[in-house]
Amino acid sequence: MATKRIGVLALQGDFEAHIKAVATTGCEGFEVRSVQELATADALILPGGESTTMGYLLKRFGLDVAIRAFDKPIWGTCAGMILLASRITEGEKRGGQPLLGLIDIGVARNAFGRQIDSFEADLDSPLGRVRGVFIRAPYVSEWGPDVEPLARYEDKVVLVRQGNLLASAFHPELTDDTTLLRAFLESI
């Protein structure tokens, strides 16, 4: 059986941490910067970073249209969750934030405070107990009927799934915990 090829959007943000985490599972992680590279992926990870910048770059390189047509598993972490969302409902609502609109969720941007307020937490989910790093993280403030909330931090939803799409408000790739990554890879 061929090795699974996991593309990681590499326009901005900490894509290298995801590629390293993917490598620990025996799959091949590689950088995606073009529509042609995306076409070779079995799944896609949208990393953390600056969601507005990433959104504008997606449009500039035509990747927004290609990702919307990408009928394979996608996982967005932090800024990637924002990009996958259908709407921004709370927090920083800078005009023109490009969204892919693939998951029927509304997100609150930078909902846990500034960079100095970053923290780590263990979260229980049906996919297993996961460790996440929250850095200027969003949370899911509303969701549609096809969205399954999978984990909460305090009273806030921070992990959701809709079909073969997964979104986390936190960064598991910055820990040694591959529970969530392995669950995502099983969806391929």
C-alpha atoms as a PDB file:
ATOM      1  CA  MET A   1       0.000   0.000   0.000  1.00  0.00           C
ATOM      2  CA  ALA A   2       1.301   3.462  -0.919  1.00  0.00           C
ATOM      3  CA  THR A   3       2.289   5.910   1.787  1.00  0.00           C
ATOM      4  CA  LYS A   4      -0.340   8.547   2.503  1.00  0.00           C
ATOM      5  CA  ARG A   5       0.728  11.993   1.283  1.00  0.00           C
ATOM      6  CA  ILE A   6      -0.434  14.765   3.600  1.00  0.00           C
ATOM      7  CA  GLY A   7      -0.190  18.263   2.189  1.00  0.00           C
ATOM      8  CA  VAL A   8       0.354  21.115   4.618  1.00  0.00           C
ATOM      9  CA  LEU A   9      -0.511  24.601   3.415  1.00  0.00           C
ATOM     10  CA  ALA A  10       2.822  26.438   3.434  1.00  0.00           C
ATOM     11  CA  LEU A  11       1.959  30.021   2.546  1.00  0.00           C
ATOM     12  CA  GLN A  12       2.415  31.385   6.064  1.00  0.00           C
ATOM     13  CA  GLY A  13       2.373  30.057   9.610  1.00  0.00           C
ATOM     14  CA  ASP A  14       4.004  27.112  11.365  1.00  0.00           C
ATOM     15  CA  PHE A  15       3.601  24.478   8.668  1.00  0.00           C
ATOM     16  CA  GLU A  16       6.950  22.833   9.509  1.00  0.00           C
ATOM     17  CA  ALA A  17       5.675  21.560  12.883  1.00  0.00           C
ATOM     18  CA  HIS A  18       2.815  19.765  11.106  1.00  0.00           C
ATOM     19  CA  ILE A  19       5.170  18.207   8.553  1.00  0.00           C
ATOM     20  CA  LYS A  20       7.383  16.897  11.370  1.00  0.00           C
ATOM     21  CA  ALA A  21       4.357  15.512  13.238  1.00  0.00           C
ATOM     22  CA  VAL A  22       3.078  13.775  10.083  1.00  0.00           C
ATOM     23  CA  ALA A  23       6.498  12.165   9.589  1.00  0.00           C
ATOM     24  CA  THR A  24       6.242  10.519  13.040  1.00  0.00           C
ATOM     25  CA  THR A  25       3.186   8.571  11.826  1.00  0.00           C
ATOM     26  CA  GLY A  26       4.910   7.003   8.813  1.00  0.00           C
ATOM     27  CA  CYS A  27       3.052   9.211   6.351  1.00  0.00           C
ATOM     28  CA  GLU A  28       4.686  11.745   4.050  1.00  0.00           C
ATOM     29  CA  GLY A  29       4.090  15.384   4.888  1.00  0.00           C
ATOM     30  CA  PHE A  30       4.876  17.964   2.239  1.00  0.00           C
ATOM     31  CA  GLU A  31       4.476  21.696   1.630  1.00  0.00           C
ATOM     32  CA  VAL A  32       1.564  22.908  -0.496  1.00  0.00           C
ATOM     33  CA  ARG A  33       1.948  26.290  -2.185  1.00  0.00           C
ATOM     34  CA  SER A  34       0.208  25.673  -5.502  1.00  0.00           C
ATOM     35  CA  VAL A  35      -2.895  24.089  -6.989  1.00  0.00           C
ATOM     36  CA  GLN A  36      -0.660  21.482  -8.630  1.00  0.00           C
ATOM     37  CA  GLU A  37       0.879  20.460  -5.299  1.00  0.00           C
ATOM     38  CA  LEU A  38      -2.553  20.295  -3.670  1.00  0.00           C
ATOM     39  CA  ALA A  39      -3.738  17.909  -6.393  1.00  0.00           C
ATOM     40  CA  THR A  40      -1.139  15.324  -5.281  1.00  0.00           C
ATOM     41  CA  ALA A  41      -2.294  15.250  -1.642  1.00  0.00           C
ATOM     42  CA  ASP A  42      -4.415  12.555  -0.006  1.00  0.00           C
ATOM     43  CA  ALA A  43      -5.425  15.056   2.691  1.00  0.00           C
ATOM     44  CA  LEU A  44      -4.668  18.662   3.632  1.00  0.00           C
ATOM     45  CA  ILE A  45      -3.753  20.438   6.862  1.00  0.00           C
ATOM     46  CA  LEU A  46      -4.313  24.184   7.212  1.00  0.00           C
ATOM     47  CA  PRO A  47      -1.865  25.275   9.942  1.00  0.00           C
ATOM     48  CA  GLY A  48      -1.946  28.049  12.488  1.00  0.00           C
ATOM     49  CA  GLY A  49      -0.615  31.452  11.569  1.00  0.00           C
ATOM     50  CA  GLU A  50      -2.260  34.729  10.658  1.00  0.00           C
ATOM     51  CA  SER A  51      -5.634  33.840   9.162  1.00  0.00           C
ATOM     52  CA  THR A  52      -6.184  37.110   7.295  1.00  0.00           C
ATOM     53  CA  THR A  53      -2.804  36.895   5.563  1.00  0.00           C
ATOM     54  CA  MET A  54      -3.314  33.215   4.779  1.00  0.00           C
ATOM     55  CA  GLY A  55      -6.763  33.941   3.347  1.00  0.00           C
ATOM     56  CA  TYR A  56      -5.448  36.653   1.039  1.00  0.00           C
ATOM     57  CA  LEU A  57      -2.613  34.396  -0.144  1.00  0.00           C
ATOM     58  CA  LEU A  58      -5.078  31.557  -0.808  1.00  0.00           C
ATOM     59  CA  LYS A  59      -6.998  33.892  -3.116  1.00  0.00           C
ATOM     60  CA  ARG A  60      -3.853  35.247  -4.760  1.00  0.00           C
ATOM     61  CA  PHE A  61      -2.645  31.761  -5.732  1.00  0.00           C
ATOM     62  CA  GLY A  62      -6.076  30.346  -6.611  1.00  0.00           C
ATOM     63  CA  LEU A  63      -5.872  27.876  -3.753  1.00  0.00           C
ATOM     64  CA  ASP A  64      -9.153  29.055  -2.230  1.00  0.00           C
ATOM     65  CA  VAL A  65     -11.119  27.676  -5.184  1.00  0.00           C
ATOM     66  CA  ALA A  66      -8.981  24.519  -5.322  1.00  0.00           C
ATOM     67  CA  ILE A  67      -9.417  23.817  -1.597  1.00  0.00           C
ATOM     68  CA  ARG A  68     -13.186  24.293  -1.836  1.00  0.00           C
ATOM     69  CA  ALA A  69     -13.181  21.656  -4.615  1.00  0.00           C
ATOM     70  CA  PHE A  70     -10.760  19.348  -2.735  1.00  0.00           C
ATOM     71  CA  ASP A  71     -12.994  16.392  -1.888  1.00  0.00           C
ATOM     72  CA  LYS A  72     -10.605  14.828   0.604  1.00  0.00           C
ATOM     73  CA  PRO A  73     -10.060  15.212   4.355  1.00  0.00           C
ATOM     74  CA  ILE A  74      -8.988  18.655   5.587  1.00  0.00           C
ATOM     75  CA  TRP A  75      -7.927  19.632   9.086  1.00  0.00           C
ATOM     76  CA  GLY A  76      -7.555  23.236  10.164  1.00  0.00           C
ATOM     77  CA  THR A  77      -5.711  24.196  13.356  1.00  0.00           C
ATOM     78  CA  CYS A  78      -6.203  27.631  14.947  1.00  0.00           C
ATOM     79  CA  ALA A  79      -5.994  29.993  11.933  1.00  0.00           C
ATOM     80  CA  GLY A  80      -6.884  26.970   9.805  1.00  0.00           C
ATOM     81  CA  MET A  81     -10.103  26.620  11.815  1.00  0.00           C
ATOM     82  CA  ILE A  82     -10.923  30.255  11.063  1.00  0.00           C
ATOM     83  CA  LEU A  83     -10.291  29.716   7.339  1.00  0.00           C
ATOM     84  CA  LEU A  84     -12.574  26.663   7.270  1.00  0.00           C
ATOM     85  CA  ALA A  85     -15.389  28.548   9.046  1.00  0.00           C
ATOM     86  CA  SER A  86     -18.464  29.983   7.373  1.00  0.00           C
ATOM     87  CA  ARG A  87     -18.520  33.150   9.466  1.00  0.00           C
ATOM     88  CA  ILE A  88     -16.803  35.211  12.143  1.00  0.00           C
ATOM     89  CA  THR A  89     -19.224  35.931  14.958  1.00  0.00           C
ATOM     90  CA  GLU A  90     -17.212  37.442  17.785  1.00  0.00           C
ATOM     91  CA  GLY A  91     -13.803  38.825  18.646  1.00  0.00           C
ATOM     92  CA  GLU A  92     -11.745  40.631  16.065  1.00  0.00           C
ATOM     93  CA  LYS A  93     -13.949  41.119  13.016  1.00  0.00           C
ATOM     94  CA  ARG A  94     -11.518  42.777  10.683  1.00  0.00           C
ATOM     95  CA  GLY A  95     -13.235  43.581   7.440  1.00  0.00           C
ATOM     96  CA  GLY A  96     -12.560  41.297   4.536  1.00  0.00           C
ATOM     97  CA  GLN A  97     -11.310  38.230   6.418  1.00  0.00           C
ATOM     98  CA  PRO A  98     -11.320  35.640   3.606  1.00  0.00           C
ATOM     99  CA  LEU A  99     -13.044  32.411   4.630  1.00  0.00           C
ATOM    100  CA  LEU A 100     -13.369  29.116   2.788  1.00  0.00           C
ATOM    101  CA  GLY A 101     -16.817  28.460   4.277  1.00  0.00           C
ATOM    102  CA  LEU A 102     -16.395  24.676   4.287  1.00  0.00           C
ATOM    103  CA  ILE A 103     -17.604  23.993   7.843  1.00  0.00           C
ATOM    104  CA  ASP A 104     -20.920  25.356   9.070  1.00  0.00           C
ATOM    105  CA  ILE A 105     -19.467  27.143  12.099  1.00  0.00           C
ATOM    106  CA  GLY A 106     -19.124  30.655  13.398  1.00  0.00           C
ATOM    107  CA  VAL A 107     -15.874  31.426  15.174  1.00  0.00           C
ATOM    108  CA  ALA A 108     -14.762  33.989  17.719  1.00  0.00           C
ATOM    109  CA  ARG A 109     -11.253  35.117  16.783  1.00  0.00           C
ATOM    110  CA  ASN A 110      -8.499  35.569  19.386  1.00  0.00           C
ATOM    111  CA  ALA A 111     -11.034  34.558  21.997  1.00  0.00           C
ATOM    112  CA  PHE A 112      -8.621  33.423  24.704  1.00  0.00           C
ATOM    113  CA  GLY A 113      -6.613  36.621  24.876  1.00  0.00           C
ATOM    114  CA  ARG A 114      -3.327  37.892  23.566  1.00  0.00           C
ATOM    115  CA  GLN A 115      -0.101  35.991  22.882  1.00  0.00           C
ATOM    116  CA  ILE A 116       0.976  36.430  26.497  1.00  0.00           C
ATOM    117  CA  ASP A 117      -2.195  34.572  27.572  1.00  0.00           C
ATOM    118  CA  SER A 118      -1.198  31.357  25.714  1.00  0.00           C
ATOM    119  CA  PHE A 119      -1.663  28.087  27.595  1.00  0.00           C
ATOM    120  CA  GLU A 120      -1.752  24.278  27.263  1.00  0.00           C
ATOM    121  CA  ALA A 121      -4.642  22.019  28.199  1.00  0.00           C
ATOM    122  CA  ASP A 122      -5.691  18.375  28.106  1.00  0.00           C
ATOM    123  CA  LEU A 123      -9.045  17.879  26.392  1.00  0.00           C
ATOM    124  CA  ASP A 124     -11.368  14.891  26.358  1.00  0.00           C
ATOM    125  CA  SER A 125     -12.966  13.980  23.046  1.00  0.00           C
ATOM    126  CA  PRO A 126     -14.503  10.913  21.377  1.00  0.00           C
ATOM    127  CA  LEU A 127     -11.240  10.706  19.393  1.00  0.00           C
ATOM    128  CA  GLY A 128      -9.258  10.331  22.625  1.00  0.00           C
ATOM    129  CA  ARG A 129      -7.696  12.606  25.206  1.00  0.00           C
ATOM    130  CA  VAL A 130      -5.644  15.264  23.408  1.00  0.00           C
ATOM    131  CA  ARG A 131      -3.127  17.886  24.450  1.00  0.00           C
ATOM    132  CA  GLY A 132      -3.412  21.275  22.834  1.00  0.00           C
ATOM    133  CA  VAL A 133      -1.533  24.545  22.866  1.00  0.00           C
ATOM    134  CA  PHE A 134      -3.774  27.622  22.704  1.00  0.00           C
ATOM    135  CA  ILE A 135      -2.109  30.683  21.152  1.00  0.00           C
ATOM    136  CA  ARG A 136      -4.446  33.618  20.422  1.00  0.00           C
ATOM    137  CA  ALA A 137      -6.922  30.842  19.710  1.00  0.00           C
ATOM    138  CA  PRO A 138     -10.459  31.066  18.369  1.00  0.00           C
ATOM    139  CA  TYR A 139     -13.389  29.028  19.590  1.00  0.00           C
ATOM    140  CA  VAL A 140     -16.576  27.837  17.907  1.00  0.00           C
ATOM    141  CA  SER A 141     -19.404  30.146  18.954  1.00  0.00           C
ATOM    142  CA  GLU A 142     -22.132  28.528  16.827  1.00  0.00           C
ATOM    143  CA  TRP A 143     -22.523  25.487  14.622  1.00  0.00           C
ATOM    144  CA  GLY A 144     -24.986  23.949  12.212  1.00  0.00           C
ATOM    145  CA  PRO A 145     -26.811  20.619  12.514  1.00  0.00           C
ATOM    146  CA  ASP A 146     -24.188  18.656  10.537  1.00  0.00           C
ATOM    147  CA  VAL A 147     -21.337  19.765  12.807  1.00  0.00           C
ATOM    148  CA  GLU A 148     -20.274  17.535  15.674  1.00  0.00           C
ATOM    149  CA  PRO A 149     -18.663  19.328  18.646  1.00  0.00           C
ATOM    150  CA  LEU A 150     -15.884  17.005  19.853  1.00  0.00           C
ATOM    151  CA  ALA A 151     -14.137  18.875  22.681  1.00  0.00           C
ATOM    152  CA  ARG A 152     -14.569  21.865  24.935  1.00  0.00           C
ATOM    153  CA  TYR A 153     -12.226  23.957  26.998  1.00  0.00           C
ATOM    154  CA  GLU A 154     -14.260  25.133  29.953  1.00  0.00           C
ATOM    155  CA  ASP A 155     -17.568  26.029  28.262  1.00  0.00           C
ATOM    156  CA  LYS A 156     -16.153  26.793  24.799  1.00  0.00           C
ATOM    157  CA  VAL A 157     -16.200  24.378  21.832  1.00  0.00           C
ATOM    158  CA  VAL A 158     -12.633  24.035  20.532  1.00  0.00           C
ATOM    159  CA  LEU A 159     -12.764  20.910  18.328  1.00  0.00           C
ATOM    160  CA  VAL A 160     -15.380  20.062  15.695  1.00  0.00           C
ATOM    161  CA  ARG A 161     -15.943  17.676  12.818  1.00  0.00           C
ATOM    162  CA  GLN A 162     -18.221  17.912   9.809  1.00  0.00           C
ATOM    163  CA  GLY A 163     -17.956  14.925   7.488  1.00  0.00           C
ATOM    164  CA  ASN A 164     -14.282  14.559   6.536  1.00  0.00           C
ATOM    165  CA  LEU A 165     -13.427  18.053   7.821  1.00  0.00           C
ATOM    166  CA  LEU A 166     -11.818  18.563  11.222  1.00  0.00           C
ATOM    167  CA  ALA A 167     -11.099  21.891  12.943  1.00  0.00           C
ATOM    168  CA  SER A 168      -9.265  22.547  16.194  1.00  0.00           C
ATOM    169  CA  ALA A 169      -8.776  25.891  17.918  1.00  0.00           C
ATOM    170  CA  PHE A 170      -5.474  24.691  19.334  1.00  0.00           C
ATOM    171  CA  HIS A 171      -2.110  23.356  18.166  1.00  0.00           C
ATOM    172  CA  PRO A 172      -1.569  19.658  18.942  1.00  0.00           C
ATOM    173  CA  GLU A 173       1.400  19.689  16.533  1.00  0.00           C
ATOM    174  CA  LEU A 174       3.366  21.701  19.119  1.00  0.00           C
ATOM    175  CA  THR A 175       3.194  18.771  21.548  1.00  0.00           C
ATOM    176  CA  ASP A 176       4.290  15.138  21.327  1.00  0.00           C
ATOM    177  CA  ASP A 177       0.627  14.052  21.325  1.00  0.00           C
ATOM    178  CA  THR A 178      -0.340  12.554  17.943  1.00  0.00           C
ATOM    179  CA  THR A 179      -3.806  11.330  19.035  1.00  0.00           C
ATOM    180  CA  LEU A 180      -5.704  13.854  16.934  1.00  0.00           C
ATOM    181  CA  LEU A 181      -3.342  13.564  13.966  1.00  0.00           C
ATOM    182  CA  ARG A 182      -3.754   9.776  13.927  1.00  0.00           C
ATOM    183  CA  ALA A 183      -7.558  10.118  14.114  1.00  0.00           C
ATOM    184  CA  PHE A 184      -7.408  12.544  11.168  1.00  0.00           C
ATOM    185  CA  LEU A 185      -5.206  10.169   9.154  1.00  0.00           C
ATOM    186  CA  GLU A 186      -7.694   7.345   9.748  1.00  0.00           C
ATOM    187  CA  SER A 187     -10.314   9.421   7.887  1.00  0.00           C
ATOM    188  CA  ILE A 188      -8.342   9.122   4.632  1.00  0.00           C
END
